């Protein structure tokens, strides 16, 4: 669910102390309050005792790596997560998204790009059209006010990105929603060349719908264009 950007509390899990100090100063100027931890174990302890609006998580950590940290987080929480990956390491990016990361950014990065990604995720629920808050199709129900989705009354545990993708598809059932549009709505950024983020999020969403018992609605791929929801007979 979107939050007010000013005063948002963020958690960085990264063992690069210079990066942590630099980002803390940079984000304070943007009125984003950053707590820094240097290991996965310390980050999990922080998350268990405090509330954060967003997590920035490095994959390469001493001891417990970032993917294992993310896996444990997703067992308990849907807090938005931006993964920091090594440049060119597509495998880690894909696995991170499959484990439930909302977005990723390759190191080294421009701090302004990280701020843009953070702000986009924090404000994304505010893009919901006024007047319509509930959508239903083939047993799927979604309510943007409560930020809950279900299949035949079985609650779906969706990340914020998955929620926004499903909402976008439900708005125009049977019509193709372009990947560029899905990226803008769900991630708050333009689709980058060779970026498979939306495809991975769609795959995760399909799996969760099937696990919840969905058999009446299919997320269909329109190759090279986007995705659409097809209601069953």
Protein backbone atom coordinates (compact mmCIF):
# COMPACT_ATOMS: atom_id res chain seq x y z
CA UNK A 1 0.00 0.00 0.00
CA UNK A 2 1.29 3.46 -0.80
CA UNK A 3 2.50 5.74 1.95
CA UNK A 4 3.36 9.40 2.26
CA UNK A 5 6.88 9.82 0.93
CA UNK A 6 7.97 12.45 3.42
CA UNK A 7 8.98 10.72 6.61
CA UNK A 8 8.98 7.22 5.12
CA UNK A 9 11.22 4.83 7.06
CA UNK A 10 13.61 2.75 4.97
CA UNK A 11 15.99 -0.06 5.89
CA UNK A 12 19.23 -0.75 4.03
CA UNK A 13 20.92 -4.14 4.46
CA UNK A 14 24.40 -3.81 2.95
CA UNK A 15 27.88 -4.41 4.37
CA UNK A 16 29.38 -1.45 2.43
CA UNK A 17 29.59 1.09 5.25
CA UNK A 18 30.64 3.95 2.97
CA UNK A 19 27.60 3.33 0.78
CA UNK A 20 25.34 3.25 3.83
CA UNK A 21 26.64 6.57 5.13
CA UNK A 22 26.37 8.21 1.72
CA UNK A 23 22.82 6.98 1.14
CA UNK A 24 21.70 8.01 4.62
CA UNK A 25 22.84 11.59 4.01
CA UNK A 26 21.43 11.63 0.48
CA UNK A 27 18.02 10.29 1.52
CA UNK A 28 17.70 12.59 4.52
CA UNK A 29 17.72 15.52 2.08
CA UNK A 30 14.72 13.85 0.42
CA UNK A 31 13.02 13.47 3.85
CA UNK A 32 13.42 9.70 3.68
CA UNK A 33 14.77 8.24 6.91
CA UNK A 34 17.28 5.41 6.41
CA UNK A 35 18.37 2.84 8.97
CA UNK A 36 21.48 0.87 7.98
CA UNK A 37 22.40 -2.68 8.98
CA UNK A 38 25.49 -4.54 7.77
CA UNK A 39 24.34 -8.17 7.68
CA UNK A 40 21.30 -10.23 6.84
CA UNK A 41 20.92 -11.42 10.43
CA UNK A 42 20.98 -7.85 11.77
CA UNK A 43 18.50 -6.75 9.12
CA UNK A 44 16.04 -9.49 10.03
CA UNK A 45 16.28 -8.53 13.70
CA UNK A 46 15.51 -4.91 12.81
CA UNK A 47 12.53 -5.95 10.71
CA UNK A 48 11.13 -8.10 13.50
CA UNK A 49 11.16 -5.21 15.95
CA UNK A 50 10.39 -2.12 13.86
CA UNK A 51 8.11 -1.02 11.04
CA UNK A 52 9.65 0.03 7.73
CA UNK A 53 7.96 1.23 4.54
CA UNK A 54 10.59 -0.16 2.19
CA UNK A 55 13.74 -2.30 2.26
CA UNK A 56 16.87 -1.94 0.13
CA UNK A 57 18.70 -5.27 0.19
CA UNK A 58 22.10 -6.19 -1.24
CA UNK A 59 22.43 -9.74 -2.59
CA UNK A 60 26.14 -10.04 -1.74
CA UNK A 61 26.22 -10.12 2.07
CA UNK A 62 28.57 -11.83 4.52
CA UNK A 63 27.08 -14.93 6.11
CA UNK A 64 23.42 -15.12 5.09
CA UNK A 65 23.15 -13.79 1.54
CA UNK A 66 20.47 -11.39 0.36
CA UNK A 67 18.39 -14.03 -1.39
CA UNK A 68 18.08 -16.06 1.81
CA UNK A 69 17.19 -12.89 3.72
CA UNK A 70 14.49 -12.08 1.14
CA UNK A 71 13.12 -15.61 1.35
CA UNK A 72 12.73 -15.30 5.12
CA UNK A 73 11.17 -11.84 4.81
CA UNK A 74 8.54 -13.06 2.35
CA UNK A 75 7.45 -15.78 4.79
CA UNK A 76 6.22 -13.04 7.12
CA UNK A 77 5.93 -9.73 5.29
CA UNK A 78 5.06 -8.08 1.98
CA UNK A 79 7.18 -4.98 2.67
CA UNK A 80 8.44 -3.61 -0.68
CA UNK A 81 12.01 -4.72 -1.44
CA UNK A 82 14.51 -3.27 -3.92
CA UNK A 83 17.41 -5.66 -4.50
CA UNK A 84 20.95 -4.42 -5.20
CA UNK A 85 22.73 -6.75 -7.61
CA UNK A 86 26.08 -6.94 -9.36
CA UNK A 87 25.99 -5.34 -12.79
CA UNK A 88 25.38 -7.93 -15.48
CA UNK A 89 24.34 -10.67 -13.04
CA UNK A 90 21.01 -11.52 -14.65
CA UNK A 91 20.62 -14.79 -12.75
CA UNK A 92 20.61 -13.06 -9.35
CA UNK A 93 18.13 -10.49 -10.63
CA UNK A 94 15.71 -13.12 -11.87
CA UNK A 95 16.01 -15.21 -8.71
CA UNK A 96 15.49 -12.10 -6.59
CA UNK A 97 12.27 -11.28 -8.45
CA UNK A 98 11.14 -14.90 -8.18
CA UNK A 99 11.73 -14.77 -4.43
CA UNK A 100 9.48 -11.70 -4.19
CA UNK A 101 11.61 -8.60 -4.74
CA UNK A 102 9.64 -5.69 -6.17
CA UNK A 103 12.48 -4.23 -8.22
CA UNK A 104 16.25 -4.32 -8.59
CA UNK A 105 19.10 -1.93 -9.23
CA UNK A 106 22.58 -2.92 -10.42
CA UNK A 107 25.71 -1.69 -8.65
CA UNK A 108 27.32 0.74 -9.09
CA UNK A 109 24.30 3.03 -9.35
CA UNK A 110 23.44 6.70 -9.27
CA UNK A 111 21.83 7.55 -5.90
CA UNK A 112 19.24 9.64 -7.73
CA UNK A 113 18.11 6.51 -9.58
CA UNK A 114 17.64 4.69 -6.29
CA UNK A 115 15.64 7.61 -4.91
CA UNK A 116 13.46 7.59 -8.04
CA UNK A 117 12.80 3.84 -7.65
CA UNK A 118 12.00 4.26 -3.94
CA UNK A 119 9.59 7.15 -4.53
CA UNK A 120 7.87 5.32 -7.37
CA UNK A 121 7.15 2.31 -5.16
CA UNK A 122 6.01 4.45 -2.23
CA UNK A 123 3.50 6.38 -4.33
CA UNK A 124 2.25 3.66 -6.69
CA UNK A 125 -1.11 3.00 -4.99
CA UNK A 126 -1.96 6.68 -5.45
CA UNK A 127 -2.24 6.05 -9.20
CA UNK A 128 -5.47 4.10 -8.69
CA UNK A 129 -8.34 5.65 -10.63
CA UNK A 130 -10.77 7.60 -8.48
CA UNK A 131 -14.26 6.18 -8.13
CA UNK A 132 -13.40 2.50 -8.59
CA UNK A 133 -11.83 0.55 -5.76
CA UNK A 134 -13.08 -3.00 -6.26
CA UNK A 135 -12.72 -5.43 -9.15
CA UNK A 136 -14.16 -8.93 -9.56
CA UNK A 137 -13.63 -11.52 -12.25
CA UNK A 138 -14.08 -15.30 -12.21
CA UNK A 139 -13.74 -15.65 -8.47
CA UNK A 140 -10.90 -13.11 -8.20
CA UNK A 141 -11.67 -10.11 -5.99
CA UNK A 142 -9.43 -7.11 -5.42
CA UNK A 143 -9.96 -4.05 -3.22
CA UNK A 144 -7.50 -1.17 -3.56
CA UNK A 145 -8.72 0.52 -0.36
CA UNK A 146 -7.84 -2.43 1.87
CA UNK A 147 -5.07 -3.59 -0.48
CA UNK A 148 -6.42 -7.14 -0.35
CA UNK A 149 -6.97 -9.68 -3.09
CA UNK A 150 -8.56 -13.11 -2.97
CA UNK A 151 -9.60 -16.09 -5.09
CA UNK A 152 -12.89 -17.71 -4.09
CA UNK A 153 -12.46 -16.00 -0.69
CA UNK A 154 -8.94 -17.45 -0.28
CA UNK A 155 -6.70 -14.50 0.56
CA UNK A 156 -3.77 -13.93 -1.79
CA UNK A 157 -0.44 -12.89 -0.29
CA UNK A 158 0.79 -10.50 -2.99
CA UNK A 159 3.70 -8.12 -3.09
CA UNK A 160 2.83 -4.53 -3.93
CA UNK A 161 4.10 -5.02 -7.46
CA UNK A 162 2.00 -8.15 -8.01
CA UNK A 163 -1.05 -6.37 -6.60
CA UNK A 164 -0.68 -3.47 -9.03
CA UNK A 165 -0.18 -5.80 -12.00
CA UNK A 166 -3.32 -7.75 -11.12
CA UNK A 167 -5.29 -4.54 -10.64
CA UNK A 168 -4.19 -3.26 -14.05
CA UNK A 169 -5.26 -6.52 -15.74
CA UNK A 170 -8.60 -6.55 -13.91
CA UNK A 171 -9.40 -3.03 -15.08
CA UNK A 172 -9.67 -4.20 -18.70
CA UNK A 173 -10.38 -7.95 -18.77
CA UNK A 174 -9.97 -9.48 -22.20
CA UNK A 175 -7.85 -6.55 -23.40
CA UNK A 176 -4.09 -6.56 -23.70
CA UNK A 177 -2.19 -4.40 -21.22
CA UNK A 178 1.22 -3.54 -22.61
CA UNK A 179 4.37 -4.40 -20.68
CA UNK A 180 5.38 -0.73 -20.81
CA UNK A 181 2.10 0.19 -19.09
CA UNK A 182 2.52 -2.54 -16.48
CA UNK A 183 6.04 -1.38 -15.73
CA UNK A 184 4.91 2.22 -15.33
CA UNK A 185 2.01 1.33 -13.05
CA UNK A 186 3.62 -1.43 -10.98
CA UNK A 187 7.25 -0.29 -10.84
CA UNK A 188 6.90 3.43 -11.47
CA UNK A 189 9.46 3.41 -14.28
CA UNK A 190 9.75 2.88 -18.00
CA UNK A 191 10.43 -0.61 -19.26
CA UNK A 192 14.14 -1.01 -19.98
CA UNK A 193 15.52 -2.96 -22.97
CA UNK A 194 15.87 -6.68 -22.21
CA UNK A 195 14.15 -6.15 -18.85
CA UNK A 196 12.25 -9.31 -17.88
CA UNK A 197 10.97 -7.98 -14.54
CA UNK A 198 7.32 -7.84 -15.57
CA UNK A 199 7.49 -11.36 -17.05
CA UNK A 200 8.89 -12.71 -13.78
CA UNK A 201 6.27 -10.91 -11.70
CA UNK A 202 3.54 -12.32 -13.98
CA UNK A 203 4.95 -15.82 -13.49
CA UNK A 204 4.88 -15.34 -9.70
CA UNK A 205 1.32 -14.02 -9.89
CA UNK A 206 0.16 -16.99 -11.98
CA UNK A 207 1.64 -19.36 -9.42
CA UNK A 208 -0.10 -17.66 -6.52
CA UNK A 209 -3.46 -17.62 -8.32
CA UNK A 210 -3.16 -21.32 -9.11
CA UNK A 211 -2.12 -22.17 -5.56
CA UNK A 212 -5.17 -20.30 -4.24
CA UNK A 213 -7.45 -22.43 -6.40
CA UNK A 214 -8.02 -20.19 -9.40
CA UNK A 215 -9.37 -22.15 -12.38
CA UNK A 216 -11.65 -19.58 -14.01
CA UNK A 217 -9.22 -16.90 -15.15
CA UNK A 218 -6.07 -17.19 -17.26
CA UNK A 219 -3.28 -14.65 -17.58
CA UNK A 220 -2.41 -14.91 -21.24
CA UNK A 221 0.73 -13.65 -22.93
CA UNK A 222 0.36 -11.64 -26.13
CA UNK A 223 3.87 -12.20 -27.40
CA UNK A 224 5.89 -9.04 -27.79
CA UNK A 225 3.01 -6.84 -26.59
CA UNK A 226 1.80 -7.58 -23.08
CA UNK A 227 -0.67 -9.61 -21.03
CA UNK A 228 -4.43 -9.96 -20.65
CA UNK A 229 -6.91 -11.70 -18.37
CA UNK A 230 -9.13 -14.28 -20.06
CA UNK A 231 -12.21 -15.28 -18.03
CA UNK A 232 -13.24 -18.95 -18.22
CA UNK A 233 -16.39 -20.26 -19.80
